[in-house]
Amino acid sequence: MEISAAVLPAFLLVVFANGAQAQGNKLEAEGHARSINGDVATSVDFHNTSSAARKVWWLGYDGQRKLYMQLAPQESYLQPTYLTHPWLVTDAEDNGLAIYYPDSKLRQVTIE
């Protein structure tokens, strides 16, 4: 079943971790996730509670990764964004760990 980001509700938080089907270093869901528009502003607050570095990528209008931030262990980062913009978290080697969709209010994401 193909999931289009256009039909996902804005409040949806999608996490593909622990056993997600990866294709190389990409999550299978990356093939379906892309930004739709920049109409409604919001923010995502990323907290890296893991003991390893994590990267935060925006999945652009073309569905391609655009690196925005590398978080050291125990580091946090507030990312302004829009409701239809998916955010990918990877490990330091760019292996996909999870994809998050913003909410209409501040979304807090804990990266473990």
PDB file of N, CA and C in Angstrom:
ATOM      1  N   MET A   1       0.848  -1.179   0.000  1.00  0.00           N
ATOM      2  CA  MET A   1       0.000   0.000   0.000  1.00  0.00           C
ATOM      3  C   MET A   1       0.882   1.226   0.000  1.00  0.00           C
ATOM      4  N   GLU A   2       0.656   2.136  -0.920  1.00  0.00           N
ATOM      5  CA  GLU A   2       1.438   3.364  -1.001  1.00  0.00           C
ATOM      6  C   GLU A   2       0.758   4.433  -0.166  1.00  0.00           C
ATOM      7  N   ILE A   3       1.542   5.155   0.641  1.00  0.00           N
ATOM      8  CA  ILE A   3       1.013   6.226   1.474  1.00  0.00           C
ATOM      9  C   ILE A   3       1.500   7.537   0.901  1.00  0.00           C
ATOM     10  N   SER A   4       0.591   8.412   0.572  1.00  0.00           N
ATOM     11  CA  SER A   4       0.945   9.728   0.060  1.00  0.00           C
ATOM     12  C   SER A   4       0.926  10.716   1.207  1.00  0.00           C
ATOM     13  N   ALA A   5       1.960  11.549   1.300  1.00  0.00           N
ATOM     14  CA  ALA A   5       2.006  12.563   2.352  1.00  0.00           C
ATOM     15  C   ALA A   5       0.837  13.525   2.231  1.00  0.00           C
ATOM     16  N   ALA A   6       0.263  13.661   1.036  1.00  0.00           N
ATOM     17  CA  ALA A   6      -0.848  14.582   0.830  1.00  0.00           C
ATOM     18  C   ALA A   6      -2.095  14.153   1.592  1.00  0.00           C
ATOM     19  N   VAL A   7      -2.236  12.871   1.896  1.00  0.00           N
ATOM     20  CA  VAL A   7      -3.437  12.398   2.579  1.00  0.00           C
ATOM     21  C   VAL A   7      -3.213  12.146   4.066  1.00  0.00           C
ATOM     22  N   LEU A   8      -2.018  12.407   4.554  1.00  0.00           N
ATOM     23  CA  LEU A   8      -1.758  12.200   5.974  1.00  0.00           C
ATOM     24  C   LEU A   8      -2.272  13.385   6.774  1.00  0.00           C
ATOM     25  N   PRO A   9      -2.969  13.157   7.878  1.00  0.00           N
ATOM     26  CA  PRO A   9      -3.419  14.274   8.701  1.00  0.00           C
ATOM     27  C   PRO A   9      -2.219  15.023   9.288  1.00  0.00           C
ATOM     28  N   ALA A  10      -2.388  16.321   9.483  1.00  0.00           N
ATOM     29  CA  ALA A  10      -1.285  17.167   9.957  1.00  0.00           C
ATOM     30  C   ALA A  10      -0.779  16.749  11.331  1.00  0.00           C
ATOM     31  N   PHE A  11      -1.619  16.170  12.154  1.00  0.00           N
ATOM     32  CA  PHE A  11      -1.215  15.806  13.507  1.00  0.00           C
ATOM     33  C   PHE A  11      -0.482  14.477  13.562  1.00  0.00           C
ATOM     34  N   LEU A  12      -0.370  13.803  12.440  1.00  0.00           N
ATOM     35  CA  LEU A  12       0.205  12.463  12.423  1.00  0.00           C
ATOM     36  C   LEU A  12       1.699  12.484  12.707  1.00  0.00           C
ATOM     37  N   LEU A  13       2.122  11.646  13.592  1.00  0.00           N
ATOM     38  CA  LEU A  13       3.538  11.426  13.874  1.00  0.00           C
ATOM     39  C   LEU A  13       3.841  10.024  13.400  1.00  0.00           C
ATOM     40  N   VAL A  14       4.732   9.910  12.445  1.00  0.00           N
ATOM     41  CA  VAL A  14       5.054   8.607  11.873  1.00  0.00           C
ATOM     42  C   VAL A  14       6.449   8.224  12.303  1.00  0.00           C
ATOM     43  N   VAL A  15       6.595   7.071  12.913  1.00  0.00           N
ATOM     44  CA  VAL A  15       7.900   6.600  13.333  1.00  0.00           C
ATOM     45  C   VAL A  15       8.138   5.231  12.721  1.00  0.00           C
ATOM     46  N   PHE A  16       9.222   5.100  11.986  1.00  0.00           N
ATOM     47  CA  PHE A  16       9.619   3.835  11.398  1.00  0.00           C
ATOM     48  C   PHE A  16      10.961   3.474  12.007  1.00  0.00           C
ATOM     49  N   ALA A  17      10.959   2.771  13.103  1.00  0.00           N
ATOM     50  CA  ALA A  17      12.195   2.437  13.790  1.00  0.00           C
ATOM     51  C   ALA A  17      12.122   1.001  14.277  1.00  0.00           C
ATOM     52  N   ASN A  18      13.255   0.484  14.755  1.00  0.00           N
ATOM     53  CA  ASN A  18      13.325  -0.863  15.301  1.00  0.00           C
ATOM     54  C   ASN A  18      12.699  -1.887  14.362  1.00  0.00           C
ATOM     55  N   GLY A  19      13.443  -2.249  13.333  1.00  0.00           N
ATOM     56  CA  GLY A  19      12.964  -3.264  12.420  1.00  0.00           C
ATOM     57  C   GLY A  19      12.339  -2.710  11.154  1.00  0.00           C
ATOM     58  N   ALA A  20      12.416  -1.395  10.950  1.00  0.00           N
ATOM     59  CA  ALA A  20      11.869  -0.829   9.724  1.00  0.00           C
ATOM     60  C   ALA A  20      12.627  -1.386   8.529  1.00  0.00           C
ATOM     61  N   GLN A  21      11.934  -1.560   7.440  1.00  0.00           N
ATOM     62  CA  GLN A  21      12.551  -2.070   6.223  1.00  0.00           C
ATOM     63  C   GLN A  21      13.385  -0.962   5.598  1.00  0.00           C
ATOM     64  N   ALA A  22      14.676  -1.134   5.559  1.00  0.00           N
ATOM     65  CA  ALA A  22      15.556  -0.131   4.970  1.00  0.00           C
ATOM     66  C   ALA A  22      15.971  -0.566   3.574  1.00  0.00           C
ATOM     67  N   GLN A  23      16.185   0.383   2.699  1.00  0.00           N
ATOM     68  CA  GLN A  23      16.706   0.138   1.364  1.00  0.00           C
ATOM     69  C   GLN A  23      18.041   0.850   1.297  1.00  0.00           C
ATOM     70  N   GLY A  24      19.146   0.128   1.422  1.00  0.00           N
ATOM     71  CA  GLY A  24      20.450   0.761   1.583  1.00  0.00           C
ATOM     72  C   GLY A  24      20.448   1.443   2.926  1.00  0.00           C
ATOM     73  N   ASN A  25      20.645   2.748   2.924  1.00  0.00           N
ATOM     74  CA  ASN A  25      20.585   3.474   4.185  1.00  0.00           C
ATOM     75  C   ASN A  25      19.321   4.322   4.277  1.00  0.00           C
ATOM     76  N   LYS A  26      18.343   4.049   3.400  1.00  0.00           N
ATOM     77  CA  LYS A  26      17.080   4.779   3.424  1.00  0.00           C
ATOM     78  C   LYS A  26      15.981   3.912   4.011  1.00  0.00           C
ATOM     79  N   LEU A  27      15.036   4.569   4.663  1.00  0.00           N
ATOM     80  CA  LEU A  27      13.835   3.874   5.109  1.00  0.00           C
ATOM     81  C   LEU A  27      12.929   3.669   3.911  1.00  0.00           C
ATOM     82  N   GLU A  28      12.203   2.579   3.904  1.00  0.00           N
ATOM     83  CA  GLU A  28      11.267   2.306   2.813  1.00  0.00           C
ATOM     84  C   GLU A  28      10.283   3.464   2.647  1.00  0.00           C
ATOM     85  N   ALA A  29       9.849   4.057   3.747  1.00  0.00           N
ATOM     86  CA  ALA A  29       8.875   5.147   3.704  1.00  0.00           C
ATOM     87  C   ALA A  29       9.425   6.409   3.048  1.00  0.00           C
ATOM     88  N   GLU A  30      10.740   6.542   2.944  1.00  0.00           N
ATOM     89  CA  GLU A  30      11.309   7.720   2.295  1.00  0.00           C
ATOM     90  C   GLU A  30      10.871   7.833   0.842  1.00  0.00           C
ATOM     91  N   GLY A  31      10.579   6.723   0.218  1.00  0.00           N
ATOM     92  CA  GLY A  31      10.128   6.750  -1.167  1.00  0.00           C
ATOM     93  C   GLY A  31       8.761   7.377  -1.338  1.00  0.00           C
ATOM     94  N   HIS A  32       8.025   7.548  -0.242  1.00  0.00           N
ATOM     95  CA  HIS A  32       6.673   8.083  -0.281  1.00  0.00           C
ATOM     96  C   HIS A  32       6.555   9.437   0.395  1.00  0.00           C
ATOM     97  N   ALA A  33       7.550   9.840   1.168  1.00  0.00           N
ATOM     98  CA  ALA A  33       7.464  11.066   1.961  1.00  0.00           C
ATOM     99  C   ALA A  33       8.104  12.232   1.212  1.00  0.00           C
ATOM    100  N   ARG A  34       7.389  13.349   1.207  1.00  0.00           N
ATOM    101  CA  ARG A  34       7.923  14.580   0.630  1.00  0.00           C
ATOM    102  C   ARG A  34       7.130  15.749   1.186  1.00  0.00           C
ATOM    103  N   SER A  35       7.706  16.934   1.137  1.00  0.00           N
ATOM    104  CA  SER A  35       6.996  18.136   1.565  1.00  0.00           C
ATOM    105  C   SER A  35       5.961  18.512   0.523  1.00  0.00           C
ATOM    106  N   ILE A  36       4.822  19.035   0.987  1.00  0.00           N
ATOM    107  CA  ILE A  36       3.729  19.382   0.086  1.00  0.00           C
ATOM    108  C   ILE A  36       3.646  20.888  -0.137  1.00  0.00           C
ATOM    109  N   ASN A  37       3.556  21.668   0.944  1.00  0.00           N
ATOM    110  CA  ASN A  37       3.472  23.117   0.812  1.00  0.00           C
ATOM    111  C   ASN A  37       3.994  23.786   2.079  1.00  0.00           C
ATOM    112  N   GLY A  38       4.105  25.088   2.049  1.00  0.00           N
ATOM    113  CA  GLY A  38       4.576  25.872   3.202  1.00  0.00           C
ATOM    114  C   GLY A  38       3.506  26.830   3.670  1.00  0.00           C
ATOM    115  N   ASP A  39       2.285  26.320   3.847  1.00  0.00           N
ATOM    116  CA  ASP A  39       1.154  27.183   4.193  1.00  0.00           C
ATOM    117  C   ASP A  39       1.001  27.449   5.687  1.00  0.00           C
ATOM    118  N   VAL A  40       1.189  26.429   6.526  1.00  0.00           N
ATOM    119  CA  VAL A  40       0.918  26.575   7.961  1.00  0.00           C
ATOM    120  C   VAL A  40       2.204  26.332   8.741  1.00  0.00           C
ATOM    121  N   ALA A  41       2.710  27.385   9.370  1.00  0.00           N
ATOM    122  CA  ALA A  41       3.962  27.301  10.132  1.00  0.00           C
ATOM    123  C   ALA A  41       3.754  26.598  11.466  1.00  0.00           C
ATOM    124  N   THR A  42       4.770  25.882  11.902  1.00  0.00           N
ATOM    125  CA  THR A  42       4.800  25.210  13.196  1.00  0.00           C
ATOM    126  C   THR A  42       6.264  24.943  13.532  1.00  0.00           C
ATOM    127  N   SER A  43       6.533  24.154  14.550  1.00  0.00           N
ATOM    128  CA  SER A  43       7.912  23.821  14.922  1.00  0.00           C
ATOM    129  C   SER A  43       7.991  22.402  15.449  1.00  0.00           C
ATOM    130  N   VAL A  44       9.195  21.830  15.355  1.00  0.00           N
ATOM    131  CA  VAL A  44       9.486  20.531  15.948  1.00  0.00           C
ATOM    132  C   VAL A  44      10.712  20.704  16.831  1.00  0.00           C
ATOM    133  N   ASP A  45      10.619  20.223  18.056  1.00  0.00           N
ATOM    134  CA  ASP A  45      11.712  20.314  19.027  1.00  0.00           C
ATOM    135  C   ASP A  45      12.343  18.932  19.159  1.00  0.00           C
ATOM    136  N   PHE A  46      13.522  18.766  18.576  1.00  0.00           N
ATOM    137  CA  PHE A  46      14.223  17.487  18.589  1.00  0.00           C
ATOM    138  C   PHE A  46      15.136  17.400  19.805  1.00  0.00           C
ATOM    139  N   HIS A  47      15.067  16.289  20.554  1.00  0.00           N
ATOM    140  CA  HIS A  47      15.916  16.033  21.721  1.00  0.00           C
ATOM    141  C   HIS A  47      16.630  14.707  21.509  1.00  0.00           C
ATOM    142  N   ASN A  48      17.943  14.749  21.373  1.00  0.00           N
ATOM    143  CA  ASN A  48      18.730  13.529  21.202  1.00  0.00           C
ATOM    144  C   ASN A  48      19.124  13.007  22.577  1.00  0.00           C
ATOM    145  N   THR A  49      18.380  12.027  23.068  1.00  0.00           N
ATOM    146  CA  THR A  49      18.689  11.433  24.374  1.00  0.00           C
ATOM    147  C   THR A  49      19.568  10.196  24.238  1.00  0.00           C
ATOM    148  N   SER A  50      19.972   9.884  23.019  1.00  0.00           N
ATOM    149  CA  SER A  50      20.821   8.713  22.800  1.00  0.00           C
ATOM    150  C   SER A  50      22.272   9.027  23.154  1.00  0.00           C
ATOM    151  N   SER A  51      23.114   8.019  23.084  1.00  0.00           N
ATOM    152  CA  SER A  51      24.538   8.201  23.375  1.00  0.00           C
ATOM    153  C   SER A  51      25.350   8.378  22.091  1.00  0.00           C
ATOM    154  N   ALA A  52      24.662   8.621  20.971  1.00  0.00           N
ATOM    155  CA  ALA A  52      25.338   8.766  19.678  1.00  0.00           C
ATOM    156  C   ALA A  52      24.817   9.993  18.944  1.00  0.00           C
ATOM    157  N   ALA A  53      25.600  10.488  18.004  1.00  0.00           N
ATOM    158  CA  ALA A  53      25.179  11.620  17.182  1.00  0.00           C
ATOM    159  C   ALA A  53      24.012  11.207  16.291  1.00  0.00           C
ATOM    160  N   ARG A  54      23.121  12.146  16.045  1.00  0.00           N
ATOM    161  CA  ARG A  54      21.983  11.941  15.161  1.00  0.00           C
ATOM    162  C   ARG A  54      21.896  13.132  14.216  1.00  0.00           C
ATOM    163  N   LYS A  55      21.418  12.876  12.995  1.00  0.00           N
ATOM    164  CA  LYS A  55      21.241  13.935  12.008  1.00  0.00           C
ATOM    165  C   LYS A  55      19.752  14.148  11.754  1.00  0.00           C
ATOM    166  N   VAL A  56      19.390  15.412  11.525  1.00  0.00           N
ATOM    167  CA  VAL A  56      18.018  15.786  11.216  1.00  0.00           C
ATOM    168  C   VAL A  56      17.995  16.317   9.783  1.00  0.00           C
ATOM    169  N   TRP A  57      17.167  15.687   8.956  1.00  0.00           N
ATOM    170  CA  TRP A  57      17.057  16.017   7.538  1.00  0.00           C
ATOM    171  C   TRP A  57      15.637  16.445   7.208  1.00  0.00           C
ATOM    172  N   TRP A  58      15.503  17.467   6.384  1.00  0.00           N
ATOM    173  CA  TRP A  58      14.212  17.822   5.812  1.00  0.00           C
ATOM    174  C   TRP A  58      14.047  17.015   4.538  1.00  0.00           C
ATOM    175  N   LEU A  59      12.871  16.433   4.337  1.00  0.00           N
ATOM    176  CA  LEU A  59      12.551  15.776   3.069  1.00  0.00           C
ATOM    177  C   LEU A  59      11.826  16.807   2.219  1.00  0.00           C
ATOM    178  N   GLY A  60      12.512  17.314   1.207  1.00  0.00           N
ATOM    179  CA  GLY A  60      12.040  18.437   0.413  1.00  0.00           C
ATOM    180  C   GLY A  60      10.856  18.123  -0.478  1.00  0.00           C
ATOM    181  N   TYR A  61      10.491  19.109  -1.295  1.00  0.00           N
ATOM    182  CA  TYR A  61       9.361  18.966  -2.207  1.00  0.00           C
ATOM    183  C   TYR A  61       9.610  17.872  -3.239  1.00  0.00           C
ATOM    184  N   ASP A  62      10.871  17.571  -3.474  1.00  0.00           N
ATOM    185  CA  ASP A  62      11.237  16.486  -4.397  1.00  0.00           C
ATOM    186  C   ASP A  62      11.446  15.162  -3.665  1.00  0.00           C
ATOM    187  N   GLY A  63      11.260  15.154  -2.346  1.00  0.00           N
ATOM    188  CA  GLY A  63      11.433  13.946  -1.549  1.00  0.00           C
ATOM    189  C   GLY A  63      12.880  13.660  -1.179  1.00  0.00           C
ATOM    190  N   GLN A  64      13.797  14.511  -1.593  1.00  0.00           N
ATOM    191  CA  GLN A  64      15.218  14.297  -1.326  1.00  0.00           C
ATOM    192  C   GLN A  64      15.617  14.854   0.038  1.00  0.00           C
ATOM    193  N   ARG A  65      16.607  14.235   0.651  1.00  0.00           N
ATOM    194  CA  ARG A  65      17.139  14.664   1.943  1.00  0.00           C
ATOM    195  C   ARG A  65      17.906  15.978   1.822  1.00  0.00           C
ATOM    196  N   LYS A  66      17.659  16.861   2.779  1.00  0.00           N
ATOM    197  CA  LYS A  66      18.437  18.085   2.921  1.00  0.00           C
ATOM    198  C   LYS A  66      18.844  18.181   4.387  1.00  0.00           C
ATOM    199  N   LEU A  67      20.135  18.084   4.660  1.00  0.00           N
ATOM    200  CA  LEU A  67      20.632  18.076   6.038  1.00  0.00           C
ATOM    201  C   LEU A  67      20.426  19.436   6.690  1.00  0.00           C
ATOM    202  N   TYR A  68      19.825  19.430   7.874  1.00  0.00           N
ATOM    203  CA  TYR A  68      19.595  20.661   8.615  1.00  0.00           C
ATOM    204  C   TYR A  68      20.422  20.744   9.885  1.00  0.00           C
ATOM    205  N   MET A  69      20.644  19.630  10.579  1.00  0.00           N
ATOM    206  CA  MET A  69      21.332  19.702  11.864  1.00  0.00           C
ATOM    207  C   MET A  69      21.918  18.352  12.220  1.00  0.00           C
ATOM    208  N   GLN A  70      23.074  18.390  12.869  1.00  0.00           N
ATOM    209  CA  GLN A  70      23.624  17.193  13.497  1.00  0.00           C
ATOM    210  C   GLN A  70      23.588  17.438  14.997  1.00  0.00           C
ATOM    211  N   LEU A  71      22.949  16.525  15.711  1.00  0.00           N
ATOM    212  CA  LEU A  71      22.807  16.649  17.155  1.00  0.00           C
ATOM    213  C   LEU A  71      23.774  15.716  17.869  1.00  0.00           C
ATOM    214  N   ALA A  72      24.563  16.279  18.753  1.00  0.00           N
ATOM    215  CA  ALA A  72      25.430  15.475  19.613  1.00  0.00           C
ATOM    216  C   ALA A  72      24.558  14.786  20.657  1.00  0.00           C
ATOM    217  N   PRO A  73      25.078  13.772  21.331  1.00  0.00           N
ATOM    218  CA  PRO A  73      24.309  13.148  22.409  1.00  0.00           C
ATOM    219  C   PRO A  73      23.861  14.190  23.433  1.00  0.00           C
ATOM    220  N   GLN A  74      22.611  14.093  23.841  1.00  0.00           N
ATOM    221  CA  GLN A  74      21.994  14.963  24.838  1.00  0.00           C
ATOM    222  C   GLN A  74      21.764  16.395  24.351  1.00  0.00           C
ATOM    223  N   GLU A  75      21.910  16.650  23.068  1.00  0.00           N
ATOM    224  CA  GLU A  75      21.682  17.986  22.499  1.00  0.00           C
ATOM    225  C   GLU A  75      20.255  18.106  21.984  1.00  0.00           C
ATOM    226  N   SER A  76      19.720  19.339  22.008  1.00  0.00           N
ATOM    227  CA  SER A  76      18.374  19.625  21.517  1.00  0.00           C
ATOM    228  C   SER A  76      18.438  20.675  20.420  1.00  0.00           C
ATOM    229  N   TYR A  77      17.354  20.750  19.644  1.00  0.00           N
ATOM    230  CA  TYR A  77      17.303  21.672  18.511  1.00  0.00           C
ATOM    231  C   TYR A  77      15.846  21.971  18.174  1.00  0.00           C
ATOM    232  N   LEU A  78      15.493  23.247  18.068  1.00  0.00           N
ATOM    233  CA  LEU A  78      14.152  23.665  17.687  1.00  0.00           C
ATOM    234  C   LEU A  78      14.152  23.991  16.200  1.00  0.00           C
ATOM    235  N   GLN A  79      13.338  23.272  15.433  1.00  0.00           N
ATOM    236  CA  GLN A  79      13.289  23.444  13.982  1.00  0.00           C
ATOM    237  C   GLN A  79      11.962  24.073  13.561  1.00  0.00           C
ATOM    238  N   PRO A  80      11.984  25.332  13.089  1.00  0.00           N
ATOM    239  CA  PRO A  80      10.773  25.888  12.478  1.00  0.00           C
ATOM    240  C   PRO A  80      10.469  25.110  11.190  1.00  0.00           C
ATOM    241  N   THR A  81       9.198  24.880  10.919  1.00  0.00           N
ATOM    242  CA  THR A  81       8.817  24.082   9.759  1.00  0.00           C
ATOM    243  C   THR A  81       7.375  24.387   9.380  1.00  0.00           C
ATOM    244  N   TYR A  82       6.804  23.515   8.562  1.00  0.00           N
ATOM    245  CA  TYR A  82       5.406  23.625   8.131  1.00  0.00           C
ATOM    246  C   TYR A  82       4.729  22.267   8.309  1.00  0.00           C
ATOM    247  N   LEU A  83       3.399  22.289   8.401  1.00  0.00           N
ATOM    248  CA  LEU A  83       2.641  21.069   8.704  1.00  0.00           C
ATOM    249  C   LEU A  83       2.922  19.914   7.753  1.00  0.00           C
ATOM    250  N   THR A  84       3.120  20.186   6.505  1.00  0.00           N
ATOM    251  CA  THR A  84       3.264  19.095   5.538  1.00  0.00           C
ATOM    252  C   THR A  84       4.719  18.747   5.238  1.00  0.00           C
ATOM    253  N   HIS A  85       5.640  19.160   6.100  1.00  0.00           N
ATOM    254  CA  HIS A  85       7.058  18.880   5.867  1.00  0.00           C
ATOM    255  C   HIS A  85       7.541  17.733   6.745  1.00  0.00           C
ATOM    256  N   PRO A  86       7.876  16.590   6.141  1.00  0.00           N
ATOM    257  CA  PRO A  86       8.402  15.469   6.924  1.00  0.00           C
ATOM    258  C   PRO A  86       9.872  15.697   7.281  1.00  0.00           C
ATOM    259  N   TRP A  87      10.258  15.176   8.460  1.00  0.00           N
ATOM    260  CA  TRP A  87      11.630  15.284   8.964  1.00  0.00           C
ATOM    261  C   TRP A  87      12.157  13.892   9.240  1.00  0.00           C
ATOM    262  N   LEU A  88      13.338  13.617   8.732  1.00  0.00           N
ATOM    263  CA  LEU A  88      13.985  12.321   8.863  1.00  0.00           C
ATOM    264  C   LEU A  88      15.101  12.424   9.894  1.00  0.00           C
ATOM    265  N   VAL A  89      15.204  11.432  10.751  1.00  0.00           N
ATOM    266  CA  VAL A  89      16.321  11.330  11.686  1.00  0.00           C
ATOM    267  C   VAL A  89      17.153  10.122  11.282  1.00  0.00           C
ATOM    268  N   THR A  90      18.479  10.339  11.196  1.00  0.00           N
ATOM    269  CA  THR A  90      19.396   9.255  10.857  1.00  0.00           C
ATOM    270  C   THR A  90      20.478   9.148  11.910  1.00  0.00           C
ATOM    271  N   ASP A  91      21.224   8.047  11.839  1.00  0.00           N
ATOM    272  CA  ASP A  91      22.430   7.947  12.661  1.00  0.00           C
ATOM    273  C   ASP A  91      23.546   8.727  11.968  1.00  0.00           C
ATOM    274  N   ALA A  92      24.732   8.709  12.521  1.00  0.00           N
ATOM    275  CA  ALA A  92      25.859   9.470  11.974  1.00  0.00           C
ATOM    276  C   ALA A  92      26.275   8.981  10.593  1.00  0.00           C
ATOM    277  N   GLU A  93      25.941   7.725  10.255  1.00  0.00           N
ATOM    278  CA  GLU A  93      26.284   7.155   8.947  1.00  0.00           C
ATOM    279  C   GLU A  93      25.156   7.317   7.937  1.00  0.00           C
ATOM    280  N   ASP A  94      24.163   8.131   8.264  1.00  0.00           N
ATOM    281  CA  ASP A  94      23.031   8.456   7.391  1.00  0.00           C
ATOM    282  C   ASP A  94      22.043   7.318   7.201  1.00  0.00           C
ATOM    283  N   ASN A  95      22.042   6.335   8.086  1.00  0.00           N
ATOM    284  CA  ASN A  95      21.041   5.269   8.043  1.00  0.00           C
ATOM    285  C   ASN A  95      19.742   5.786   8.656  1.00  0.00           C
ATOM    286  N   GLY A  96      18.658   5.696   7.903  1.00  0.00           N
ATOM    287  CA  GLY A  96      17.374   6.201   8.369  1.00  0.00           C
ATOM    288  C   GLY A  96      16.890   5.493   9.621  1.00  0.00           C
ATOM    289  N   LEU A  97      16.427   6.287  10.604  1.00  0.00           N
ATOM    290  CA  LEU A  97      15.897   5.745  11.855  1.00  0.00           C
ATOM    291  C   LEU A  97      14.406   6.006  12.010  1.00  0.00           C
ATOM    292  N   ALA A  98      13.946   7.199  11.632  1.00  0.00           N
ATOM    293  CA  ALA A  98      12.538   7.558  11.828  1.00  0.00           C
ATOM    294  C   ALA A  98      12.181   8.759  10.969  1.00  0.00           C
ATOM    295  N   ILE A  99      10.897   8.851  10.612  1.00  0.00           N
ATOM    296  CA  ILE A  99      10.352  10.007   9.917  1.00  0.00           C
ATOM    297  C   ILE A  99       9.253  10.587  10.792  1.00  0.00           C
ATOM    298  N   TYR A 100       9.269  11.907  10.942  1.00  0.00           N
ATOM    299  CA  TYR A 100       8.290  12.601  11.783  1.00  0.00           C
ATOM    300  C   TYR A 100       7.558  13.649  10.965  1.00  0.00           C
ATOM    301  N   TYR A 101       6.250  13.746  11.184  1.00  0.00           N
ATOM    302  CA  TYR A 101       5.445  14.811  10.594  1.00  0.00           C
ATOM    303  C   TYR A 101       5.061  15.775  11.708  1.00  0.00           C
ATOM    304  N   PRO A 102       5.158  17.079  11.460  1.00  0.00           N
ATOM    305  CA  PRO A 102       4.802  18.069  12.485  1.00  0.00           C
ATOM    306  C   PRO A 102       3.323  18.044  12.829  1.00  0.00           C
ATOM    307  N   ASP A 103       3.013  18.700  13.925  1.00  0.00           N
ATOM    308  CA  ASP A 103       1.649  18.890  14.395  1.00  0.00           C
ATOM    309  C   ASP A 103       1.348  20.381  14.304  1.00  0.00           C
ATOM    310  N   SER A 104       0.100  20.765  14.506  1.00  0.00           N
ATOM    311  CA  SER A 104      -0.259  22.176  14.448  1.00  0.00           C
ATOM    312  C   SER A 104       0.275  22.957  15.647  1.00  0.00           C
ATOM    313  N   LYS A 105       0.698  22.254  16.690  1.00  0.00           N
ATOM    314  CA  LYS A 105       1.354  22.899  17.830  1.00  0.00           C
ATOM    315  C   LYS A 105       2.768  22.340  17.917  1.00  0.00           C
ATOM    316  N   LEU A 106       3.574  22.885  18.780  1.00  0.00           N
ATOM    317  CA  LEU A 106       4.962  22.439  18.922  1.00  0.00           C
ATOM    318  C   LEU A 106       5.025  20.929  19.154  1.00  0.00           C
ATOM    319  N   ARG A 107       5.711  20.224  18.284  1.00  0.00           N
ATOM    320  CA  ARG A 107       5.903  18.779  18.401  1.00  0.00           C
ATOM    321  C   ARG A 107       7.226  18.543  19.096  1.00  0.00           C
ATOM    322  N   GLN A 108       7.244  17.752  20.140  1.00  0.00           N
ATOM    323  CA  GLN A 108       8.490  17.382  20.811  1.00  0.00           C
ATOM    324  C   GLN A 108       8.833  15.951  20.422  1.00  0.00           C
ATOM    325  N   VAL A 109      10.055  15.770  19.905  1.00  0.00           N
ATOM    326  CA  VAL A 109      10.510  14.470  19.453  1.00  0.00           C
ATOM    327  C   VAL A 109      11.713  14.065  20.288  1.00  0.00           C
ATOM    328  N   THR A 110      11.619  12.909  20.948  1.00  0.00           N
ATOM    329  CA  THR A 110      12.730  12.372  21.708  1.00  0.00           C
ATOM    330  C   THR A 110      13.383  11.282  20.876  1.00  0.00           C
ATOM    331  N   ILE A 111      14.669  11.474  20.589  1.00  0.00           N
ATOM    332  CA  ILE A 111      15.434  10.513  19.797  1.00  0.00           C
ATOM    333  C   ILE A 111      16.200   9.646  20.756  1.00  0.00           C
ATOM    334  N   GLU A 112      15.910   8.360  20.763  1.00  0.00           N
ATOM    335  CA  GLU A 112      16.571   7.444  21.706  1.00  0.00           C
ATOM    336  C   GLU A 112      17.605   6.605  21.013  1.00  0.00           C
TER     337      GLU A 112
END
